[in-house]
Amino acid sequence: GNYITLEFENVRIVNYYGDDITNFNLLSDSVLVQAPVA
C-alpha cells in the first residue's frame, strides 16, 4: 500500500561541444507496492 517514488536527479544533457542543453523537464512517477503474486 505504500508508494515508491521514482525521480531523476542532477541530470545534465550536453551536445558534442560540451554545451549544456537546459530545455527539458524531469518528471517523477511512483509505483504502488502490492502483495506477492500467486
All heavy atoms as atom14 arrays in JSON, in Angstrom:
{
  "sequence": "GNYITLEFENVRIVNYYGDDITNFNLLSDSVLVQAPVA",
  "atom14_mask": [
    [1, 1, 1, 1, 0, 0, 0, 0, 0, 0, 0, 0, 0, 0],
    [1, 1, 1, 1, 1, 1, 1, 1, 0, 0, 0, 0, 0, 0],
    [1, 1, 1, 1, 1, 1, 1, 1, 1, 1, 1, 1, 0, 0],
    [1, 1, 1, 1, 1, 1, 1, 1, 0, 0, 0, 0, 0, 0],
    [1, 1, 1, 1, 1, 1, 1, 0, 0, 0, 0, 0, 0, 0],
    [1, 1, 1, 1, 1, 1, 1, 1, 0, 0, 0, 0, 0, 0],
    [1, 1, 1, 1, 1, 1, 1, 1, 1, 0, 0, 0, 0, 0],
    [1, 1, 1, 1, 1, 1, 1, 1, 1, 1, 1, 0, 0, 0],
    [1, 1, 1, 1, 1, 1, 1, 1, 1, 0, 0, 0, 0, 0],
    [1, 1, 1, 1, 1, 1, 1, 1, 0, 0, 0, 0, 0, 0],
    [1, 1, 1, 1, 1, 1, 1, 0, 0, 0, 0, 0, 0, 0],
    [1, 1, 1, 1, 1, 1, 1, 1, 1, 1, 1, 0, 0, 0],
    [1, 1, 1, 1, 1, 1, 1, 1, 0, 0, 0, 0, 0, 0],
    [1, 1, 1, 1, 1, 1, 1, 0, 0, 0, 0, 0, 0, 0],
    [1, 1, 1, 1, 1, 1, 1, 1, 0, 0, 0, 0, 0, 0],
    [1, 1, 1, 1, 1, 1, 1, 1, 1, 1, 1, 1, 0, 0],
    [1, 1, 1, 1, 1, 1, 1, 1, 1, 1, 1, 1, 0, 0],
    [1, 1, 1, 1, 0, 0, 0, 0, 0, 0, 0, 0, 0, 0],
    [1, 1, 1, 1, 1, 1, 1, 1, 0, 0, 0, 0, 0, 0],
    [1, 1, 1, 1, 1, 1, 1, 1, 0, 0, 0, 0, 0, 0],
    [1, 1, 1, 1, 1, 1, 1, 1, 0, 0, 0, 0, 0, 0],
    [1, 1, 1, 1, 1, 1, 1, 0, 0, 0, 0, 0, 0, 0],
    [1, 1, 1, 1, 1, 1, 1, 1, 0, 0, 0, 0, 0, 0],
    [1, 1, 1, 1, 1, 1, 1, 1, 1, 1, 1, 0, 0, 0],
    [1, 1, 1, 1, 1, 1, 1, 1, 0, 0, 0, 0, 0, 0],
    [1, 1, 1, 1, 1, 1, 1, 1, 0, 0, 0, 0, 0, 0],
    [1, 1, 1, 1, 1, 1, 1, 1, 0, 0, 0, 0, 0, 0],
    [1, 1, 1, 1, 1, 1, 0, 0, 0, 0, 0, 0, 0, 0],
    [1, 1, 1, 1, 1, 1, 1, 1, 0, 0, 0, 0, 0, 0],
    [1, 1, 1, 1, 1, 1, 0, 0, 0, 0, 0, 0, 0, 0],
    [1, 1, 1, 1, 1, 1, 1, 0, 0, 0, 0, 0, 0, 0],
    [1, 1, 1, 1, 1, 1, 1, 1, 0, 0, 0, 0, 0, 0],
    [1, 1, 1, 1, 1, 1, 1, 0, 0, 0, 0, 0, 0, 0],
    [1, 1, 1, 1, 1, 1, 1, 1, 1, 0, 0, 0, 0, 0],
    [1, 1, 1, 1, 1, 0, 0, 0, 0, 0, 0, 0, 0, 0],
    [1, 1, 1, 1, 1, 1, 1, 0, 0, 0, 0, 0, 0, 0],
    [1, 1, 1, 1, 1, 1, 1, 0, 0, 0, 0, 0, 0, 0],
    [1, 1, 1, 1, 1, 0, 0, 0, 0, 0, 0, 0, 0, 0]
  ],
  "atom14_positions": [
    [[0.79, -1.22, 0.0], [0.0, 0.0, 0.0], [0.82, 1.27, 0.0], [0.27, 2.36, -0.21], [0.0, 0.0, 0.0], [0.0, 0.0, 0.0], [0.0, 0.0, 0.0], [0.0, 0.0, 0.0], [0.0, 0.0, 0.0], [0.0, 0.0, 0.0], [0.0, 0.0, 0.0], [0.0, 0.0, 0.0], [0.0, 0.0, 0.0], [0.0, 0.0, 0.0]],
    [[2.13, 1.16, 0.23], [3.0, 2.33, 0.17], [3.46, 2.57, -1.27], [3.5, 1.65, -2.1], [4.21, 2.15, 1.07], [3.87, 2.38, 2.54], [2.74, 2.73, 2.87], [4.84, 2.17, 3.4], [0.0, 0.0, 0.0], [0.0, 0.0, 0.0], [0.0, 0.0, 0.0], [0.0, 0.0, 0.0], [0.0, 0.0, 0.0], [0.0, 0.0, 0.0]],
    [[3.85, 3.81, -1.56], [4.33, 4.17, -2.88], [5.85, 4.32, -2.86], [6.41, 4.9, -1.93], [3.7, 5.47, -3.36], [2.29, 5.31, -3.87], [1.21, 5.49, -3.01], [2.04, 4.97, -5.2], [-0.1, 5.35, -3.47], [0.75, 4.82, -5.66], [-0.32, 5.01, -4.8], [-1.61, 4.86, -5.26], [0.0, 0.0, 0.0], [0.0, 0.0, 0.0]],
    [[6.49, 3.8, -3.9], [7.91, 4.06, -4.15], [7.98, 5.13, -5.23], [7.45, 4.96, -6.33], [8.66, 2.8, -4.6], [8.64, 1.75, -3.47], [10.09, 3.13, -5.01], [9.25, 0.43, -3.86], [0.0, 0.0, 0.0], [0.0, 0.0, 0.0], [0.0, 0.0, 0.0], [0.0, 0.0, 0.0], [0.0, 0.0, 0.0], [0.0, 0.0, 0.0]],
    [[8.59, 6.26, -4.9], [8.67, 7.39, -5.83], [9.93, 7.29, -6.67], [11.03, 7.07, -6.14], [8.65, 8.73, -5.06], [7.46, 8.8, -4.27], [8.67, 9.9, -6.03], [0.0, 0.0, 0.0], [0.0, 0.0, 0.0], [0.0, 0.0, 0.0], [0.0, 0.0, 0.0], [0.0, 0.0, 0.0], [0.0, 0.0, 0.0], [0.0, 0.0, 0.0]],
    [[9.77, 7.45, -7.96], [10.88, 7.39, -8.91], [11.21, 8.8, -9.38], [10.33, 9.52, -9.84], [10.51, 6.51, -10.1], [9.94, 5.12, -9.76], [9.47, 4.42, -11.02], [10.98, 4.29, -9.03], [0.0, 0.0, 0.0], [0.0, 0.0, 0.0], [0.0, 0.0, 0.0], [0.0, 0.0, 0.0], [0.0, 0.0, 0.0], [0.0, 0.0, 0.0]],
    [[12.48, 9.17, -9.28], [12.87, 10.52, -9.65], [14.2, 10.53, -10.39], [15.05, 9.65, -10.2], [13.01, 11.41, -8.4], [11.71, 11.68, -7.68], [11.88, 12.63, -6.5], [13.05, 12.95, -6.17], [10.87, 13.05, -5.93], [0.0, 0.0, 0.0], [0.0, 0.0, 0.0], [0.0, 0.0, 0.0], [0.0, 0.0, 0.0], [0.0, 0.0, 0.0]],
    [[14.36, 11.55, -11.23], [15.66, 11.89, -11.81], [16.28, 12.99, -10.96], [15.59, 13.9, -10.52], [15.52, 12.43, -13.23], [15.02, 11.45, -14.25], [13.67, 11.41, -14.57], [15.89, 10.61, -14.9], [13.19, 10.52, -15.52], [15.44, 9.71, -15.86], [14.08, 9.67, -16.17], [0.0, 0.0, 0.0], [0.0, 0.0, 0.0], [0.0, 0.0, 0.0]],
    [[17.58, 12.92, -10.73], [18.28, 13.98, -10.02], [19.54, 14.37, -10.79], [20.18, 13.53, -11.44], [18.69, 13.53, -8.61], [17.54, 13.41, -7.63], [18.02, 13.09, -6.22], [19.24, 12.83, -6.05], [17.19, 13.1, -5.29], [0.0, 0.0, 0.0], [0.0, 0.0, 0.0], [0.0, 0.0, 0.0], [0.0, 0.0, 0.0], [0.0, 0.0, 0.0]],
    [[19.88, 15.65, -10.71], [21.15, 16.17, -11.22], [21.42, 15.76, -12.67], [22.54, 15.4, -13.03], [22.31, 15.69, -10.33], [22.14, 16.08, -8.89], [21.72, 17.19, -8.59], [22.42, 15.17, -7.98], [0.0, 0.0, 0.0], [0.0, 0.0, 0.0], [0.0, 0.0, 0.0], [0.0, 0.0, 0.0], [0.0, 0.0, 0.0], [0.0, 0.0, 0.0]],
    [[20.39, 15.84, -13.49], [20.54, 15.45, -14.89], [21.24, 16.55, -15.68], [20.9, 17.73, -15.54], [19.18, 15.12, -15.52], [19.32, 14.91, -17.03], [18.6, 13.87, -14.88], [0.0, 0.0, 0.0], [0.0, 0.0, 0.0], [0.0, 0.0, 0.0], [0.0, 0.0, 0.0], [0.0, 0.0, 0.0], [0.0, 0.0, 0.0], [0.0, 0.0, 0.0]],
    [[22.18, 16.14, -16.48], [22.88, 17.06, -17.36], [22.85, 16.5, -18.77], [23.16, 15.32, -18.98], [24.33, 17.25, -16.89], [25.1, 18.29, -17.69], [26.52, 18.41, -17.22], [27.28, 19.31, -18.08], [28.61, 19.33, -18.15], [29.33, 18.51, -17.4], [29.23, 20.17, -18.95], [0.0, 0.0, 0.0], [0.0, 0.0, 0.0], [0.0, 0.0, 0.0]],
    [[22.46, 17.31, -19.74], [22.45, 16.93, -21.15], [23.38, 17.88, -21.9], [23.31, 19.1, -21.71], [21.03, 17.0, -21.74], [20.07, 16.09, -20.96], [21.02, 16.6, -23.21], [18.64, 16.12, -21.46], [0.0, 0.0, 0.0], [0.0, 0.0, 0.0], [0.0, 0.0, 0.0], [0.0, 0.0, 0.0], [0.0, 0.0, 0.0], [0.0, 0.0, 0.0]],
    [[24.26, 17.32, -22.73], [25.22, 18.16, -23.45], [25.21, 17.8, -24.93], [24.78, 16.72, -25.34], [26.65, 17.98, -22.91], [26.73, 18.36, -21.44], [27.15, 16.55, -23.13], [0.0, 0.0, 0.0], [0.0, 0.0, 0.0], [0.0, 0.0, 0.0], [0.0, 0.0, 0.0], [0.0, 0.0, 0.0], [0.0, 0.0, 0.0], [0.0, 0.0, 0.0]],
    [[25.67, 18.75, -25.76], [25.92, 18.44, -27.16], [27.39, 18.06, -27.31], [28.14, 17.99, -26.32], [25.53, 19.61, -28.07], [26.33, 20.87, -27.8], [27.41, 20.83, -27.21], [25.81, 22.01, -28.24], [0.0, 0.0, 0.0], [0.0, 0.0, 0.0], [0.0, 0.0, 0.0], [0.0, 0.0, 0.0], [0.0, 0.0, 0.0], [0.0, 0.0, 0.0]],
    [[27.8, 17.81, -28.55], [29.17, 17.33, -28.77], [30.23, 18.3, -28.28], [31.29, 17.91, -27.83], [29.39, 17.03, -30.26], [30.84, 16.83, -30.61], [31.57, 15.77, -30.05], [31.52, 17.71, -31.44], [32.91, 15.59, -30.33], [32.85, 17.54, -31.73], [33.54, 16.48, -31.18], [34.87, 16.31, -31.44], [0.0, 0.0, 0.0], [0.0, 0.0, 0.0]],
    [[29.93, 19.6, -28.33], [30.91, 20.59, -27.93], [30.97, 20.77, -26.42], [31.78, 21.55, -25.92], [30.6, 21.92, -28.61], [30.65, 21.83, -30.12], [29.48, 21.71, -30.86], [31.86, 21.82, -30.79], [29.53, 21.6, -32.26], [31.92, 21.71, -32.17], [30.74, 21.6, -32.89], [30.79, 21.49, -34.26], [0.0, 0.0, 0.0], [0.0, 0.0, 0.0]],
    [[30.11, 20.04, -25.69], [30.09, 20.17, -24.24], [29.15, 21.23, -23.74], [29.07, 21.48, -22.54], [0.0, 0.0, 0.0], [0.0, 0.0, 0.0], [0.0, 0.0, 0.0], [0.0, 0.0, 0.0], [0.0, 0.0, 0.0], [0.0, 0.0, 0.0], [0.0, 0.0, 0.0], [0.0, 0.0, 0.0], [0.0, 0.0, 0.0], [0.0, 0.0, 0.0]],
    [[28.42, 21.91, -24.65], [27.43, 22.9, -24.24], [26.31, 22.21, -23.47], [25.8, 21.15, -23.89], [26.8, 23.58, -25.46], [27.7, 24.65, -26.04], [28.35, 25.35, -25.25], [27.74, 24.79, -27.27], [0.0, 0.0, 0.0], [0.0, 0.0, 0.0], [0.0, 0.0, 0.0], [0.0, 0.0, 0.0], [0.0, 0.0, 0.0], [0.0, 0.0, 0.0]],
    [[25.88, 22.8, -22.36], [24.73, 22.27, -21.62], [23.44, 22.62, -22.33], [23.23, 23.76, -22.75], [24.71, 22.84, -20.2], [25.69, 22.12, -19.29], [25.35, 21.03, -18.81], [26.79, 22.65, -19.08], [0.0, 0.0, 0.0], [0.0, 0.0, 0.0], [0.0, 0.0, 0.0], [0.0, 0.0, 0.0], [0.0, 0.0, 0.0], [0.0, 0.0, 0.0]],
    [[22.57, 21.62, -22.47], [21.23, 21.82, -23.0], [20.27, 21.82, -21.81], [20.22, 20.86, -21.05], [20.87, 20.71, -24.0], [21.81, 20.79, -25.21], [19.41, 20.81, -24.44], [21.69, 19.63, -26.15], [0.0, 0.0, 0.0], [0.0, 0.0, 0.0], [0.0, 0.0, 0.0], [0.0, 0.0, 0.0], [0.0, 0.0, 0.0], [0.0, 0.0, 0.0]],
    [[19.54, 22.9, -21.64], [18.73, 23.05, -20.43], [17.24, 23.03, -20.7], [16.45, 23.12, -19.77], [19.07, 24.38, -19.74], [18.83, 25.47, -20.64], [20.53, 24.4, -19.31], [0.0, 0.0, 0.0], [0.0, 0.0, 0.0], [0.0, 0.0, 0.0], [0.0, 0.0, 0.0], [0.0, 0.0, 0.0], [0.0, 0.0, 0.0], [0.0, 0.0, 0.0]],
    [[16.83, 22.92, -21.95], [15.4, 22.99, -22.26], [14.74, 21.61, -22.18], [14.35, 21.01, -23.17], [15.18, 23.6, -23.65], [15.95, 22.87, -24.74], [16.88, 22.14, -24.46], [15.56, 23.08, -25.98], [0.0, 0.0, 0.0], [0.0, 0.0, 0.0], [0.0, 0.0, 0.0], [0.0, 0.0, 0.0], [0.0, 0.0, 0.0], [0.0, 0.0, 0.0]],
    [[14.66, 21.08, -20.95], [13.99, 19.81, -20.73], [13.39, 19.8, -19.34], [13.78, 20.58, -18.47], [14.96, 18.64, -20.9], [16.11, 18.64, -19.92], [16.01, 17.97, -18.71], [17.28, 19.31, -20.21], [17.06, 17.97, -17.81], [18.35, 19.31, -19.32], [18.23, 18.64, -18.11], [0.0, 0.0, 0.0], [0.0, 0.0, 0.0], [0.0, 0.0, 0.0]],
    [[12.43, 18.91, -19.14], [11.78, 18.73, -17.85], [12.07, 17.34, -17.31], [12.22, 16.39, -18.08], [10.27, 18.9, -17.96], [9.88, 20.29, -18.4], [10.43, 21.27, -17.94], [8.91, 20.37, -19.3], [0.0, 0.0, 0.0], [0.0, 0.0, 0.0], [0.0, 0.0, 0.0], [0.0, 0.0, 0.0], [0.0, 0.0, 0.0], [0.0, 0.0, 0.0]],
    [[12.12, 17.22, -16.0], [12.3, 15.93, -15.32], [10.99, 15.59, -14.61], [10.57, 16.32, -13.72], [13.45, 15.99, -14.32], [14.81, 16.42, -14.89], [15.83, 16.54, -13.78], [15.28, 15.44, -15.94], [0.0, 0.0, 0.0], [0.0, 0.0, 0.0], [0.0, 0.0, 0.0], [0.0, 0.0, 0.0], [0.0, 0.0, 0.0], [0.0, 0.0, 0.0]],
    [[10.36, 14.47, -15.0], [9.08, 14.08, -14.43], [9.26, 12.89, -13.5], [9.91, 11.9, -13.86], [8.08, 13.71, -15.53], [7.82, 14.79, -16.6], [6.72, 14.32, -17.54], [7.47, 16.13, -15.98], [0.0, 0.0, 0.0], [0.0, 0.0, 0.0], [0.0, 0.0, 0.0], [0.0, 0.0, 0.0], [0.0, 0.0, 0.0], [0.0, 0.0, 0.0]],
    [[8.72, 12.98, -12.31], [8.76, 11.87, -11.36], [7.51, 11.01, -11.55], [6.54, 11.42, -12.19], [8.84, 12.39, -9.93], [7.71, 13.18, -9.63], [0.0, 0.0, 0.0], [0.0, 0.0, 0.0], [0.0, 0.0, 0.0], [0.0, 0.0, 0.0], [0.0, 0.0, 0.0], [0.0, 0.0, 0.0], [0.0, 0.0, 0.0], [0.0, 0.0, 0.0]],
    [[7.54, 9.83, -10.97], [6.38, 8.93, -11.0], [6.47, 8.02, -9.79], [7.39, 8.15, -8.96], [6.36, 8.12, -12.3], [4.94, 7.9, -12.81], [4.06, 7.6, -11.98], [4.72, 8.05, -14.02], [0.0, 0.0, 0.0], [0.0, 0.0, 0.0], [0.0, 0.0, 0.0], [0.0, 0.0, 0.0], [0.0, 0.0, 0.0], [0.0, 0.0, 0.0]],
    [[5.54, 7.1, -9.65], [5.55, 6.22, -8.48], [4.9, 4.88, -8.82], [4.14, 4.77, -9.79], [4.81, 6.87, -7.31], [3.46, 7.1, -7.65], [0.0, 0.0, 0.0], [0.0, 0.0, 0.0], [0.0, 0.0, 0.0], [0.0, 0.0, 0.0], [0.0, 0.0, 0.0], [0.0, 0.0, 0.0], [0.0, 0.0, 0.0], [0.0, 0.0, 0.0]],
    [[5.24, 3.86, -8.04], [4.62, 2.55, -8.15], [4.08, 2.14, -6.79], [4.67, 2.47, -5.75], [5.61, 1.48, -8.68], [6.0, 1.77, -10.12], [6.86, 1.42, -7.81], [0.0, 0.0, 0.0], [0.0, 0.0, 0.0], [0.0, 0.0, 0.0], [0.0, 0.0, 0.0], [0.0, 0.0, 0.0], [0.0, 0.0, 0.0], [0.0, 0.0, 0.0]],
    [[2.96, 1.46, -6.8], [2.3, 1.03, -5.57], [2.75, -0.37, -5.21], [2.68, -1.29, -6.03], [0.78, 1.05, -5.76], [-0.07, 0.57, -4.59], [0.07, 1.52, -3.41], [-1.53, 0.44, -5.02], [0.0, 0.0, 0.0], [0.0, 0.0, 0.0], [0.0, 0.0, 0.0], [0.0, 0.0, 0.0], [0.0, 0.0, 0.0], [0.0, 0.0, 0.0]],
    [[3.25, -0.52, -3.97], [3.7, -1.83, -3.51], [2.48, -2.71, -3.25], [1.54, -2.32, -2.54], [4.56, -1.71, -2.25], [5.0, -3.08, -1.75], [5.78, -0.82, -2.51], [0.0, 0.0, 0.0], [0.0, 0.0, 0.0], [0.0, 0.0, 0.0], [0.0, 0.0, 0.0], [0.0, 0.0, 0.0], [0.0, 0.0, 0.0], [0.0, 0.0, 0.0]],
    [[2.51, -3.91, -3.84], [1.38, -4.84, -3.72], [1.84, -6.15, -3.09], [3.04, -6.41, -2.95], [0.77, -5.11, -5.1], [0.34, -3.84, -5.82], [-0.18, -4.13, -7.21], [-1.05, -4.99, -7.39], [0.35, -3.43, -8.2], [0.0, 0.0, 0.0], [0.0, 0.0, 0.0], [0.0, 0.0, 0.0], [0.0, 0.0, 0.0], [0.0, 0.0, 0.0]],
    [[0.87, -6.98, -2.74], [1.17, -8.28, -2.13], [1.86, -9.18, -3.14], [1.73, -8.98, -4.35], [-0.13, -8.92, -1.64], [0.0, 0.0, 0.0], [0.0, 0.0, 0.0], [0.0, 0.0, 0.0], [0.0, 0.0, 0.0], [0.0, 0.0, 0.0], [0.0, 0.0, 0.0], [0.0, 0.0, 0.0], [0.0, 0.0, 0.0], [0.0, 0.0, 0.0]],
    [[2.62, -10.19, -2.67], [3.27, -11.12, -3.6], [2.26, -11.8, -4.51], [1.1, -11.98, -4.15], [3.96, -12.13, -2.67], [4.11, -11.41, -1.38], [2.92, -10.5, -1.27], [0.0, 0.0, 0.0], [0.0, 0.0, 0.0], [0.0, 0.0, 0.0], [0.0, 0.0, 0.0], [0.0, 0.0, 0.0], [0.0, 0.0, 0.0], [0.0, 0.0, 0.0]],
    [[2.71, -12.16, -5.71], [1.84, -12.8, -6.69], [1.71, -14.29, -6.4], [2.68, -14.97, -6.08], [2.42, -12.61, -8.11], [1.62, -13.37, -9.14], [2.45, -11.14, -8.45], [0.0, 0.0, 0.0], [0.0, 0.0, 0.0], [0.0, 0.0, 0.0], [0.0, 0.0, 0.0], [0.0, 0.0, 0.0], [0.0, 0.0, 0.0], [0.0, 0.0, 0.0]],
    [[0.48, -14.83, -6.53], [0.21, -16.27, -6.51], [0.86, -16.98, -5.35], [1.71, -17.85, -5.51], [0.65, -16.9, -7.83], [0.0, 0.0, 0.0], [0.0, 0.0, 0.0], [0.0, 0.0, 0.0], [0.0, 0.0, 0.0], [0.0, 0.0, 0.0], [0.0, 0.0, 0.0], [0.0, 0.0, 0.0], [0.0, 0.0, 0.0], [0.0, 0.0, 0.0]]
  ]
}
